[in-house]
Structure formats: C-alpha cells, structure tokens
PDB file of N, CA and C in Angstrom:
ATOM      1  N   MET A   1      13.911  29.816 -17.251  1.00  0.00           N
ATOM      2  CA  MET A   1      14.890  30.135 -18.260  1.00  0.00           C
ATOM      3  C   MET A   1      15.922  29.009 -18.283  1.00  0.00           C
ATOM      4  N   ASP A   2      16.209  28.560 -19.485  1.00  0.00           N
ATOM      5  CA  ASP A   2      17.204  27.497 -19.597  1.00  0.00           C
ATOM      6  C   ASP A   2      18.560  28.075 -19.999  1.00  0.00           C
ATOM      7  N   ALA A   3      19.535  27.215 -20.129  1.00  0.00           N
ATOM      8  CA  ALA A   3      20.908  27.656 -20.396  1.00  0.00           C
ATOM      9  C   ALA A   3      21.035  28.317 -21.765  1.00  0.00           C
ATOM     10  N   ASP A   4      20.278  27.840 -22.762  1.00  0.00           N
ATOM     11  CA  ASP A   4      20.361  28.441 -24.099  1.00  0.00           C
ATOM     12  C   ASP A   4      19.861  29.879 -24.084  1.00  0.00           C
ATOM     13  N   GLU A   5      18.746  30.119 -23.405  1.00  0.00           N
ATOM     14  CA  GLU A   5      18.220  31.481 -23.328  1.00  0.00           C
ATOM     15  C   GLU A   5      19.202  32.395 -22.606  1.00  0.00           C
ATOM     16  N   TYR A   6      19.791  31.888 -21.535  1.00  0.00           N
ATOM     17  CA  TYR A   6      20.751  32.695 -20.784  1.00  0.00           C
ATOM     18  C   TYR A   6      21.983  32.998 -21.625  1.00  0.00           C
ATOM     19  N   ALA A   7      22.422  32.035 -22.431  1.00  0.00           N
ATOM     20  CA  ALA A   7      23.609  32.237 -23.268  1.00  0.00           C
ATOM     21  C   ALA A   7      23.354  33.267 -24.359  1.00  0.00           C
ATOM     22  N   ARG A   8      22.102  33.377 -24.827  1.00  0.00           N
ATOM     23  CA  ARG A   8      21.782  34.339 -25.887  1.00  0.00           C
ATOM     24  C   ARG A   8      21.573  35.759 -25.359  1.00  0.00           C
ATOM     25  N   MET A   9      21.501  35.928 -24.064  1.00  0.00           N
ATOM     26  CA  MET A   9      21.256  37.252 -23.497  1.00  0.00           C
ATOM     27  C   MET A   9      22.489  38.144 -23.639  1.00  0.00           C
ATOM     28  N   THR A  10      22.232  39.435 -23.799  1.00  0.00           N
ATOM     29  CA  THR A  10      23.347  40.384 -23.807  1.00  0.00           C
ATOM     30  C   THR A  10      23.763  40.652 -22.365  1.00  0.00           C
ATOM     31  N   GLU A  11      24.877  41.340 -22.191  1.00  0.00           N
ATOM     32  CA  GLU A  11      25.363  41.652 -20.847  1.00  0.00           C
ATOM     33  C   GLU A  11      24.376  42.533 -20.089  1.00  0.00           C
ATOM     34  N   GLU A  12      23.731  43.469 -20.801  1.00  0.00           N
ATOM     35  CA  GLU A  12      22.744  44.335 -20.155  1.00  0.00           C
ATOM     36  C   GLU A  12      21.538  43.523 -19.675  1.00  0.00           C
ATOM     37  N   GLU A  13      21.094  42.575 -20.504  1.00  0.00           N
ATOM     38  CA  GLU A  13      19.964  41.730 -20.118  1.00  0.00           C
ATOM     39  C   GLU A  13      20.317  40.842 -18.923  1.00  0.00           C
ATOM     40  N   ARG A  14      21.541  40.320 -18.926  1.00  0.00           N
ATOM     41  CA  ARG A  14      21.972  39.505 -17.784  1.00  0.00           C
ATOM     42  C   ARG A  14      22.029  40.335 -16.512  1.00  0.00           C
ATOM     43  N   ALA A  15      22.525  41.571 -16.614  1.00  0.00           N
ATOM     44  CA  ALA A  15      22.604  42.443 -15.448  1.00  0.00           C
ATOM     45  C   ALA A  15      21.204  42.762 -14.930  1.00  0.00           C
ATOM     46  N   GLU A  16      20.256  43.023 -15.830  1.00  0.00           N
ATOM     47  CA  GLU A  16      18.884  43.304 -15.409  1.00  0.00           C
ATOM     48  C   GLU A  16      18.251  42.067 -14.774  1.00  0.00           C
ATOM     49  N   PHE A  17      18.515  40.909 -15.339  1.00  0.00           N
ATOM     50  CA  PHE A  17      17.988  39.656 -14.791  1.00  0.00           C
ATOM     51  C   PHE A  17      18.512  39.425 -13.377  1.00  0.00           C
ATOM     52  N   ALA A  18      19.807  39.638 -13.185  1.00  0.00           N
ATOM     53  CA  ALA A  18      20.409  39.444 -11.866  1.00  0.00           C
ATOM     54  C   ALA A  18      19.883  40.486 -10.878  1.00  0.00           C
ATOM     55  N   ARG A  19      19.719  41.721 -11.337  1.00  0.00           N
ATOM     56  CA  ARG A  19      19.213  42.789 -10.478  1.00  0.00           C
ATOM     57  C   ARG A  19      17.784  42.479 -10.023  1.00  0.00           C
ATOM     58  N   ASP A  20      16.959  41.980 -10.948  1.00  0.00           N
ATOM     59  CA  ASP A  20      15.585  41.617 -10.593  1.00  0.00           C
ATOM     60  C   ASP A  20      15.560  40.515  -9.538  1.00  0.00           C
ATOM     61  N   ARG A  21      16.423  39.547  -9.695  1.00  0.00           N
ATOM     62  CA  ARG A  21      16.458  38.451  -8.722  1.00  0.00           C
ATOM     63  C   ARG A  21      16.943  38.939  -7.364  1.00  0.00           C
ATOM     64  N   HIS A  22      17.882  39.877  -7.359  1.00  0.00           N
ATOM     65  CA  HIS A  22      18.373  40.406  -6.093  1.00  0.00           C
ATOM     66  C   HIS A  22      17.303  41.231  -5.389  1.00  0.00           C
ATOM     67  N   VAL A  23      16.514  41.968  -6.163  1.00  0.00           N
ATOM     68  CA  VAL A  23      15.435  42.759  -5.576  1.00  0.00           C
ATOM     69  C   VAL A  23      14.401  41.830  -4.936  1.00  0.00           C
ATOM     70  N   VAL A  24      14.068  40.754  -5.602  1.00  0.00           N
ATOM     71  CA  VAL A  24      13.119  39.788  -5.054  1.00  0.00           C
ATOM     72  C   VAL A  24      13.677  39.155  -3.786  1.00  0.00           C
ATOM     73  N   ALA A  25      14.936  38.773  -3.808  1.00  0.00           N
ATOM     74  CA  ALA A  25      15.559  38.165  -2.630  1.00  0.00           C
ATOM     75  C   ALA A  25      15.585  39.142  -1.462  1.00  0.00           C
ATOM     76  N   LEU A  26      15.867  40.404  -1.730  1.00  0.00           N
ATOM     77  CA  LEU A  26      15.885  41.414  -0.678  1.00  0.00           C
ATOM     78  C   LEU A  26      14.486  41.625  -0.098  1.00  0.00           C
ATOM     79  N   ALA A  27      13.481  41.645  -0.958  1.00  0.00           N
ATOM     80  CA  ALA A  27      12.105  41.816  -0.487  1.00  0.00           C
ATOM     81  C   ALA A  27      11.663  40.629   0.366  1.00  0.00           C
ATOM     82  N   VAL A  28      12.018  39.428  -0.049  1.00  0.00           N
ATOM     83  CA  VAL A  28      11.656  38.239   0.732  1.00  0.00           C
ATOM     84  C   VAL A  28      12.376  38.245   2.075  1.00  0.00           C
ATOM     85  N   THR A  29      13.632  38.613   2.086  1.00  0.00           N
ATOM     86  CA  THR A  29      14.383  38.683   3.334  1.00  0.00           C
ATOM     87  C   THR A  29      13.779  39.708   4.293  1.00  0.00           C
ATOM     88  N   ALA A  30      13.398  40.853   3.767  1.00  0.00           N
ATOM     89  CA  ALA A  30      12.773  41.880   4.607  1.00  0.00           C
ATOM     90  C   ALA A  30      11.436  41.396   5.158  1.00  0.00           C
ATOM     91  N   ALA A  31      10.645  40.723   4.331  1.00  0.00           N
ATOM     92  CA  ALA A  31       9.347  40.219   4.780  1.00  0.00           C
ATOM     93  C   ALA A  31       9.512  39.166   5.870  1.00  0.00           C
ATOM     94  N   VAL A  32      10.467  38.275   5.711  1.00  0.00           N
ATOM     95  CA  VAL A  32      10.714  37.244   6.718  1.00  0.00           C
ATOM     96  C   VAL A  32      11.188  37.886   8.016  1.00  0.00           C
ATOM     97  N   THR A  33      12.023  38.895   7.920  1.00  0.00           N
ATOM     98  CA  THR A  33      12.504  39.589   9.115  1.00  0.00           C
ATOM     99  C   THR A  33      11.355  40.238   9.878  1.00  0.00           C
ATOM    100  N   VAL A  34      10.460  40.890   9.168  1.00  0.00           N
ATOM    101  CA  VAL A  34       9.312  41.527   9.812  1.00  0.00           C
ATOM    102  C   VAL A  34       8.407  40.485  10.463  1.00  0.00           C
ATOM    103  N   VAL A  35       8.139  39.396   9.764  1.00  0.00           N
ATOM    104  CA  VAL A  35       7.286  38.343  10.327  1.00  0.00           C
ATOM    105  C   VAL A  35       7.924  37.738  11.567  1.00  0.00           C
ATOM    106  N   MET A  36       9.215  37.470  11.540  1.00  0.00           N
ATOM    107  CA  MET A  36       9.884  36.898  12.711  1.00  0.00           C
ATOM    108  C   MET A  36       9.855  37.870  13.887  1.00  0.00           C
ATOM    109  N   PHE A  37      10.013  39.161  13.624  1.00  0.00           N
ATOM    110  CA  PHE A  37       9.937  40.160  14.684  1.00  0.00           C
ATOM    111  C   PHE A  37       8.545  40.175  15.306  1.00  0.00           C
ATOM    112  N   LEU A  38       7.508  40.126  14.472  1.00  0.00           N
ATOM    113  CA  LEU A  38       6.140  40.108  14.994  1.00  0.00           C
ATOM    114  C   LEU A  38       5.859  38.841  15.791  1.00  0.00           C
ATOM    115  N   VAL A  39       6.359  37.705  15.328  1.00  0.00           N
ATOM    116  CA  VAL A  39       6.184  36.452  16.077  1.00  0.00           C
ATOM    117  C   VAL A  39       6.879  36.546  17.429  1.00  0.00           C
ATOM    118  N   MET A  40       8.078  37.118  17.450  1.00  0.00           N
ATOM    119  CA  MET A  40       8.780  37.292  18.728  1.00  0.00           C
ATOM    120  C   MET A  40       7.976  38.170  19.677  1.00  0.00           C
ATOM    121  N   LEU A  41       7.418  39.269  19.177  1.00  0.00           N
ATOM    122  CA  LEU A  41       6.623  40.148  20.027  1.00  0.00           C
ATOM    123  C   LEU A  41       5.402  39.429  20.589  1.00  0.00           C
ATOM    124  N   VAL A  42       4.723  38.658  19.757  1.00  0.00           N
ATOM    125  CA  VAL A  42       3.540  37.924  20.216  1.00  0.00           C
ATOM    126  C   VAL A  42       3.935  36.895  21.261  1.00  0.00           C
ATOM    127  N   LEU A  43       5.003  36.147  21.026  1.00  0.00           N
ATOM    128  CA  LEU A  43       5.408  35.114  21.976  1.00  0.00           C
ATOM    129  C   LEU A  43       5.900  35.720  23.282  1.00  0.00           C
ATOM    130  N   ILE A  44       6.638  36.812  23.202  1.00  0.00           N
ATOM    131  CA  ILE A  44       7.114  37.459  24.425  1.00  0.00           C
ATOM    132  C   ILE A  44       5.932  37.970  25.233  1.00  0.00           C
ATOM    133  N   ASP A  45       4.962  38.569  24.556  1.00  0.00           N
ATOM    134  CA  ASP A  45       3.785  39.074  25.256  1.00  0.00           C
ATOM    135  C   ASP A  45       2.968  37.931  25.841  1.00  0.00           C
ATOM    136  N   HIS A  46       2.863  36.832  25.112  1.00  0.00           N
ATOM    137  CA  HIS A  46       2.053  35.706  25.562  1.00  0.00           C
ATOM    138  C   HIS A  46       2.674  35.012  26.781  1.00  0.00           C
ATOM    139  N   TYR A  47       3.988  34.858  26.771  1.00  0.00           N
ATOM    140  CA  TYR A  47       4.661  34.121  27.843  1.00  0.00           C
ATOM    141  C   TYR A  47       5.277  35.033  28.902  1.00  0.00           C
ATOM    142  N   SER A  48       4.974  36.327  28.898  1.00  0.00           N
ATOM    143  CA  SER A  48       5.610  37.245  29.839  1.00  0.00           C
ATOM    144  C   SER A  48       5.199  36.992  31.280  1.00  0.00           C
ATOM    145  N   ASP A  49       4.015  36.440  31.498  1.00  0.00           N
ATOM    146  CA  ASP A  49       3.561  36.212  32.865  1.00  0.00           C
ATOM    147  C   ASP A  49       3.778  34.768  33.328  1.00  0.00           C
ATOM    148  N   THR A  50       4.455  33.964  32.531  1.00  0.00           N
ATOM    149  CA  THR A  50       4.730  32.579  32.900  1.00  0.00           C
ATOM    150  C   THR A  50       5.893  32.540  33.884  1.00  0.00           C
ATOM    151  N   PRO A  51       5.734  31.882  35.041  1.00  0.00           N
ATOM    152  CA  PRO A  51       6.845  31.810  36.000  1.00  0.00           C
ATOM    153  C   PRO A  51       7.991  30.965  35.452  1.00  0.00           C
ATOM    154  N   MET A  52       9.217  31.412  35.722  1.00  0.00           N
ATOM    155  CA  MET A  52      10.398  30.665  35.292  1.00  0.00           C
ATOM    156  C   MET A  52      10.912  29.887  36.490  1.00  0.00           C
ATOM    157  N   CYS A  53      10.310  28.750  36.731  1.00  0.00           N
ATOM    158  CA  CYS A  53      10.601  27.961  37.921  1.00  0.00           C
ATOM    159  C   CYS A  53      12.041  27.447  37.907  1.00  0.00           C
ATOM    160  N   GLY A  54      12.694  27.564  39.053  1.00  0.00           N
ATOM    161  CA  GLY A  54      14.045  27.034  39.199  1.00  0.00           C
ATOM    162  C   GLY A  54      15.129  27.991  38.759  1.00  0.00           C
ATOM    163  N   THR A  55      14.804  29.222  38.375  1.00  0.00           N
ATOM    164  CA  THR A  55      15.807  30.163  37.915  1.00  0.00           C
ATOM    165  C   THR A  55      16.071  31.283  38.920  1.00  0.00           C
ATOM    166  N   GLY A  56      15.345  31.275  40.017  1.00  0.00           N
ATOM    167  CA  GLY A  56      15.466  32.356  40.963  1.00  0.00           C
ATOM    168  C   GLY A  56      14.577  33.529  40.626  1.00  0.00           C
ATOM    169  N   GLN A  57      13.908  33.448  39.493  1.00  0.00           N
ATOM    170  CA  GLN A  57      12.992  34.509  39.070  1.00  0.00           C
ATOM    171  C   GLN A  57      11.561  34.015  39.107  1.00  0.00           C
ATOM    172  N   ASP A  58      11.310  32.981  39.887  1.00  0.00           N
ATOM    173  CA  ASP A  58       9.986  32.366  39.884  1.00  0.00           C
ATOM    174  C   ASP A  58       9.057  33.122  40.822  1.00  0.00           C
ATOM    175  N   HIS A  59       8.322  34.040  40.279  1.00  0.00           N
ATOM    176  CA  HIS A  59       7.336  34.809  41.029  1.00  0.00           C
ATOM    177  C   HIS A  59       5.983  34.152  40.790  1.00  0.00           C
ATOM    178  N   GLY A  60       5.451  33.520  41.769  1.00  0.00           N
ATOM    179  CA  GLY A  60       4.151  32.874  41.619  1.00  0.00           C
ATOM    180  C   GLY A  60       4.238  31.390  41.863  1.00  0.00           C
ATOM    181  N   PRO A  61       3.237  30.686  41.440  1.00  0.00           N
ATOM    182  CA  PRO A  61       3.183  29.245  41.709  1.00  0.00           C
ATOM    183  C   PRO A  61       4.161  28.464  40.844  1.00  0.00           C
ATOM    184  N   CYS A  62       4.963  27.654  41.497  1.00  0.00           N
ATOM    185  CA  CYS A  62       5.883  26.774  40.763  1.00  0.00           C
ATOM    186  C   CYS A  62       5.710  25.348  41.253  1.00  0.00           C
TER     187      CYS A  62
END
C-alpha cells in the first residue's frame, strides 16, 4: 500500500488496517516465543549431563 491509498482510506478502514497488522505482529511474537521456549528445553536437556568444570559443580571427568 502506498501513501495515496492510505490517504484515501476512511478512519474505519485505517483502524481495521492497523488492527490487522497488530494481530499479525502478536501472532508472530507468540510463535517466536514458543519456538524459543522449545529451543531452550532441547538445549537444556541436551547439555544437562555436561560437567561444568571449574565451577565447583563438576561431577565427572574434567
């Protein structure tokens, strides 16, 4: 949409346009949050048995 089309819109159309964009932004934010949470769970599970050498919590070979 260019500036001329936006200028010709009524206030109701502008409000609907802005609302649609906010809904999309909210959906993308929620999707990114879920993906980041799942990545954290996978990484925590994957590295949970890795010894943390030099921290005093090193259980196992360091």
